[in-house]
C-alpha atoms as a PDB file:
ATOM      1  CA  MET A   1     -86.432 140.785  10.513  1.00  0.00           C
ATOM      2  CA  ASN A   2     -85.428 137.791  12.467  1.00  0.00           C
ATOM      3  CA  ILE A   3     -86.669 134.745  11.340  1.00  0.00           C
ATOM      4  CA  LYS A   4     -87.143 131.334  13.697  1.00  0.00           C
ATOM      5  CA  THR A   5     -89.226 129.839  11.709  1.00  0.00           C
ATOM      6  CA  TYR A   6     -91.336 128.853   8.900  1.00  0.00           C
ATOM      7  CA  GLN A   7     -94.623 131.128   9.848  1.00  0.00           C
ATOM      8  CA  ASP A   8     -91.626 134.195   9.859  1.00  0.00           C
ATOM      9  CA  LEU A   9     -90.920 133.936   6.315  1.00  0.00           C
ATOM     10  CA  VAL A  10     -93.030 136.488   3.960  1.00  0.00           C
ATOM     11  CA  VAL A  11     -93.654 134.393   1.768  1.00  0.00           C
ATOM     12  CA  TRP A  12     -95.147 131.295   4.299  1.00  0.00           C
ATOM     13  CA  GLN A  13     -97.306 133.955   6.203  1.00  0.00           C
ATOM     14  CA  LYS A  14     -98.747 135.571   1.873  1.00  0.00           C
ATOM     15  CA  ALA A  15     -99.008 131.529   0.942  1.00  0.00           C
ATOM     16  CA  ARG A  16    -101.609 131.361   3.841  1.00  0.00           C
ATOM     17  CA  ILE A  17    -103.795 134.372   2.502  1.00  0.00           C
ATOM     18  CA  LEU A  18    -103.797 132.873  -0.978  1.00  0.00           C
ATOM     19  CA  ALA A  19    -105.001 129.271   0.910  1.00  0.00           C
ATOM     20  CA  LYS A  20    -108.184 131.130   2.307  1.00  0.00           C
ATOM     21  CA  ALA A  21    -108.420 132.778  -0.173  1.00  0.00           C
ATOM     22  CA  VAL A  22    -109.053 130.332  -2.650  1.00  0.00           C
ATOM     23  CA  TYR A  23    -111.371 128.495  -0.437  1.00  0.00           C
ATOM     24  CA  GLU A  24    -113.620 130.954   0.142  1.00  0.00           C
ATOM     25  CA  HIS A  25    -113.465 131.544  -4.121  1.00  0.00           C
ATOM     26  CA  THR A  26    -114.032 128.574  -3.959  1.00  0.00           C
ATOM     27  CA  ALA A  27    -117.399 128.545  -1.816  1.00  0.00           C
ATOM     28  CA  SER A  28    -119.684 129.608  -4.638  1.00  0.00           C
ATOM     29  CA  PHE A  29    -118.543 126.666  -6.789  1.00  0.00           C
ATOM     30  CA  PRO A  30    -121.021 124.060  -8.614  1.00  0.00           C
ATOM     31  CA  ALA A  31    -121.761 121.581  -5.903  1.00  0.00           C
ATOM     32  CA  ASP A  32    -120.991 119.105  -8.842  1.00  0.00           C
ATOM     33  CA  GLU A  33    -117.224 119.949  -8.704  1.00  0.00           C
ATOM     34  CA  ARG A  34    -116.685 119.646  -4.872  1.00  0.00           C
ATOM     35  CA  PHE A  35    -114.855 116.786  -5.894  1.00  0.00           C
ATOM     36  CA  THR A  36    -113.138 117.858  -8.536  1.00  0.00           C
ATOM     37  CA  LEU A  37    -111.930 121.638  -9.385  1.00  0.00           C
ATOM     38  CA  THR A  38    -112.840 122.751  -6.216  1.00  0.00           C
ATOM     39  CA  SER A  39    -110.721 119.916  -4.417  1.00  0.00           C
ATOM     40  CA  GLN A  40    -107.843 120.794  -7.335  1.00  0.00           C
ATOM     41  CA  MET A  41    -107.140 124.433  -6.139  1.00  0.00           C
ATOM     42  CA  ARG A  42    -107.724 123.701  -2.230  1.00  0.00           C
ATOM     43  CA  ARG A  43    -105.011 121.124  -2.439  1.00  0.00           C
ATOM     44  CA  ALA A  44    -103.303 123.259  -5.044  1.00  0.00           C
ATOM     45  CA  SER A  45    -103.372 126.407  -2.544  1.00  0.00           C
ATOM     46  CA  ILE A  46    -102.677 124.478   0.925  1.00  0.00           C
ATOM     47  CA  GLY A  47     -99.527 122.044  -1.289  1.00  0.00           C
ATOM     48  CA  VAL A  48     -98.435 126.100  -1.827  1.00  0.00           C
ATOM     49  CA  VAL A  49     -98.138 126.767   2.391  1.00  0.00           C
ATOM     50  CA  SER A  50     -97.199 123.435   3.169  1.00  0.00           C
ATOM     51  CA  ASN A  51     -94.517 122.953   0.679  1.00  0.00           C
ATOM     52  CA  ILE A  52     -93.100 126.163   1.739  1.00  0.00           C
ATOM     53  CA  ALA A  53     -93.076 124.569   5.382  1.00  0.00           C
ATOM     54  CA  GLU A  54     -92.992 121.166   4.897  1.00  0.00           C
ATOM     55  CA  ASP A  55     -88.676 121.422   4.790  1.00  0.00           C
ATOM     56  CA  TYR A  56     -88.030 124.456   6.614  1.00  0.00           C
ATOM     57  CA  GLY A  57     -85.197 123.882   9.040  1.00  0.00           C
ATOM     58  CA  ARG A  58     -85.176 120.036   8.629  1.00  0.00           C
ATOM     59  CA  GLY A  59     -83.376 118.250   5.741  1.00  0.00           C
ATOM     60  CA  SER A  60     -80.910 120.237   3.492  1.00  0.00           C
ATOM     61  CA  GLN A  61     -80.468 123.129   1.463  1.00  0.00           C
ATOM     62  CA  GLN A  62     -81.299 120.855  -1.521  1.00  0.00           C
ATOM     63  CA  ASP A  63     -84.193 119.057  -0.327  1.00  0.00           C
ATOM     64  CA  TYR A  64     -85.332 122.574   0.653  1.00  0.00           C
ATOM     65  CA  LEU A  65     -85.023 124.111  -2.848  1.00  0.00           C
ATOM     66  CA  ARG A  66     -86.868 121.142  -3.769  1.00  0.00           C
ATOM     67  CA  PHE A  67     -89.724 122.260  -1.951  1.00  0.00           C
ATOM     68  CA  LEU A  68     -90.189 125.090  -2.570  1.00  0.00           C
ATOM     69  CA  ARG A  69     -89.593 124.302  -6.349  1.00  0.00           C
ATOM     70  CA  VAL A  70     -92.468 122.124  -5.613  1.00  0.00           C
ATOM     71  CA  ALA A  71     -94.558 124.995  -3.927  1.00  0.00           C
ATOM     72  CA  ARG A  72     -93.914 126.584  -7.404  1.00  0.00           C
ATOM     73  CA  GLY A  73     -95.273 123.940  -9.366  1.00  0.00           C
ATOM     74  CA  SER A  74     -98.149 124.184  -7.284  1.00  0.00           C
ATOM     75  CA  LEU A  75     -99.076 128.238  -7.917  1.00  0.00           C
ATOM     76  CA  TYR A  76     -99.034 127.670 -11.687  1.00  0.00           C
ATOM     77  CA  GLU A  77    -101.683 125.083 -11.420  1.00  0.00           C
ATOM     78  CA  LEU A  78    -104.171 126.733  -9.057  1.00  0.00           C
ATOM     79  CA  GLU A  79    -103.640 129.421 -11.809  1.00  0.00           C
ATOM     80  CA  SER A  80    -104.420 127.064 -14.611  1.00  0.00           C
ATOM     81  CA  GLN A  81    -107.256 125.840 -12.635  1.00  0.00           C
ATOM     82  CA  CYS A  82    -108.121 129.906 -12.063  1.00  0.00           C
ATOM     83  CA  ILE A  83    -108.678 130.008 -15.713  1.00  0.00           C
ATOM     84  CA  ILE A  84    -110.018 126.809 -16.237  1.00  0.00           C
ATOM     85  CA  ALA A  85    -112.451 128.430 -13.589  1.00  0.00           C
ATOM     86  CA  ALA A  86    -113.499 131.143 -15.170  1.00  0.00           C
ATOM     87  CA  ASP A  87    -114.052 129.677 -18.693  1.00  0.00           C
ATOM     88  CA  LEU A  88    -116.181 127.293 -16.873  1.00  0.00           C
ATOM     89  CA  GLY A  89    -118.210 130.090 -15.765  1.00  0.00           C
ATOM     90  CA  TYR A  90    -117.591 129.536 -12.370  1.00  0.00           C
ATOM     91  CA  THR A  91    -116.348 132.201 -11.908  1.00  0.00           C
ATOM     92  CA  ALA A  92    -115.745 136.166 -13.383  1.00  0.00           C
ATOM     93  CA  GLU A  93    -113.034 137.406 -14.458  1.00  0.00           C
ATOM     94  CA  THR A  94    -112.451 140.519 -11.710  1.00  0.00           C
ATOM     95  CA  ALA A  95    -112.665 136.952  -9.603  1.00  0.00           C
ATOM     96  CA  VAL A  96    -109.318 135.551 -11.495  1.00  0.00           C
ATOM     97  CA  THR A  97    -107.615 139.041 -11.500  1.00  0.00           C
ATOM     98  CA  THR A  98    -107.804 139.339  -7.963  1.00  0.00           C
ATOM     99  CA  MET A  99    -106.431 135.038  -7.540  1.00  0.00           C
ATOM    100  CA  PHE A 100    -103.741 136.204 -10.225  1.00  0.00           C
ATOM    101  CA  ARG A 101    -102.917 139.094  -7.412  1.00  0.00           C
ATOM    102  CA  PHE A 102    -102.715 136.624  -4.476  1.00  0.00           C
ATOM    103  CA  ILE A 103    -100.472 134.229  -6.266  1.00  0.00           C
ATOM    104  CA  ASP A 104     -98.745 137.030  -7.658  1.00  0.00           C
ATOM    105  CA  ASP A 105     -98.155 138.388  -4.202  1.00  0.00           C
ATOM    106  CA  VAL A 106     -96.888 134.686  -3.026  1.00  0.00           C
ATOM    107  CA  ALA A 107     -94.476 134.035  -6.930  1.00  0.00           C
ATOM    108  CA  ARG A 108     -92.349 137.266  -6.063  1.00  0.00           C
ATOM    109  CA  PRO A 109     -91.012 136.399  -2.801  1.00  0.00           C
ATOM    110  CA  LEU A 110     -90.920 132.271  -3.439  1.00  0.00           C
ATOM    111  CA  SER A 111     -88.872 133.097  -6.321  1.00  0.00           C
ATOM    112  CA  GLY A 112     -86.959 135.549  -3.951  1.00  0.00           C
ATOM    113  CA  LEU A 113     -86.072 133.082  -1.733  1.00  0.00           C
ATOM    114  CA  VAL A 114     -85.037 130.106  -4.377  1.00  0.00           C
ATOM    115  CA  ARG A 115     -83.181 132.587  -6.082  1.00  0.00           C
ATOM    116  CA  SER A 116     -81.243 133.305  -2.206  1.00  0.00           C
ATOM    117  CA  LEU A 117     -80.744 129.697  -1.410  1.00  0.00           C
ATOM    118  CA  GLU A 118     -79.457 128.962  -5.089  1.00  0.00           C
ATOM    119  CA  ALA A 119     -76.836 131.797  -4.603  1.00  0.00           C
END
């Protein structure tokens, strides 16, 4: 596959799907969580897709690696927030399992991209 823009990256495409899923998932959270957990989860998911795109094609490889590592950190943050949402009863365990699958779908190619740029 010929990669011309960040939008051609499979990892960016999967991160975009993850962000949409997080928005849909958090829509049912209590209204009083709008500025806390809901906002945190949405920002983390947007952070993943944004950081994958942010330094693509400009700057150095080391800069891009830094942004990709930040994206990976946001994935771990989101994973923790999903667990907290379940602990608080805002979501069912099955929904958390589904979110973990979305997160894993991004984590695997993201880690692969980081490894390939490090080599």
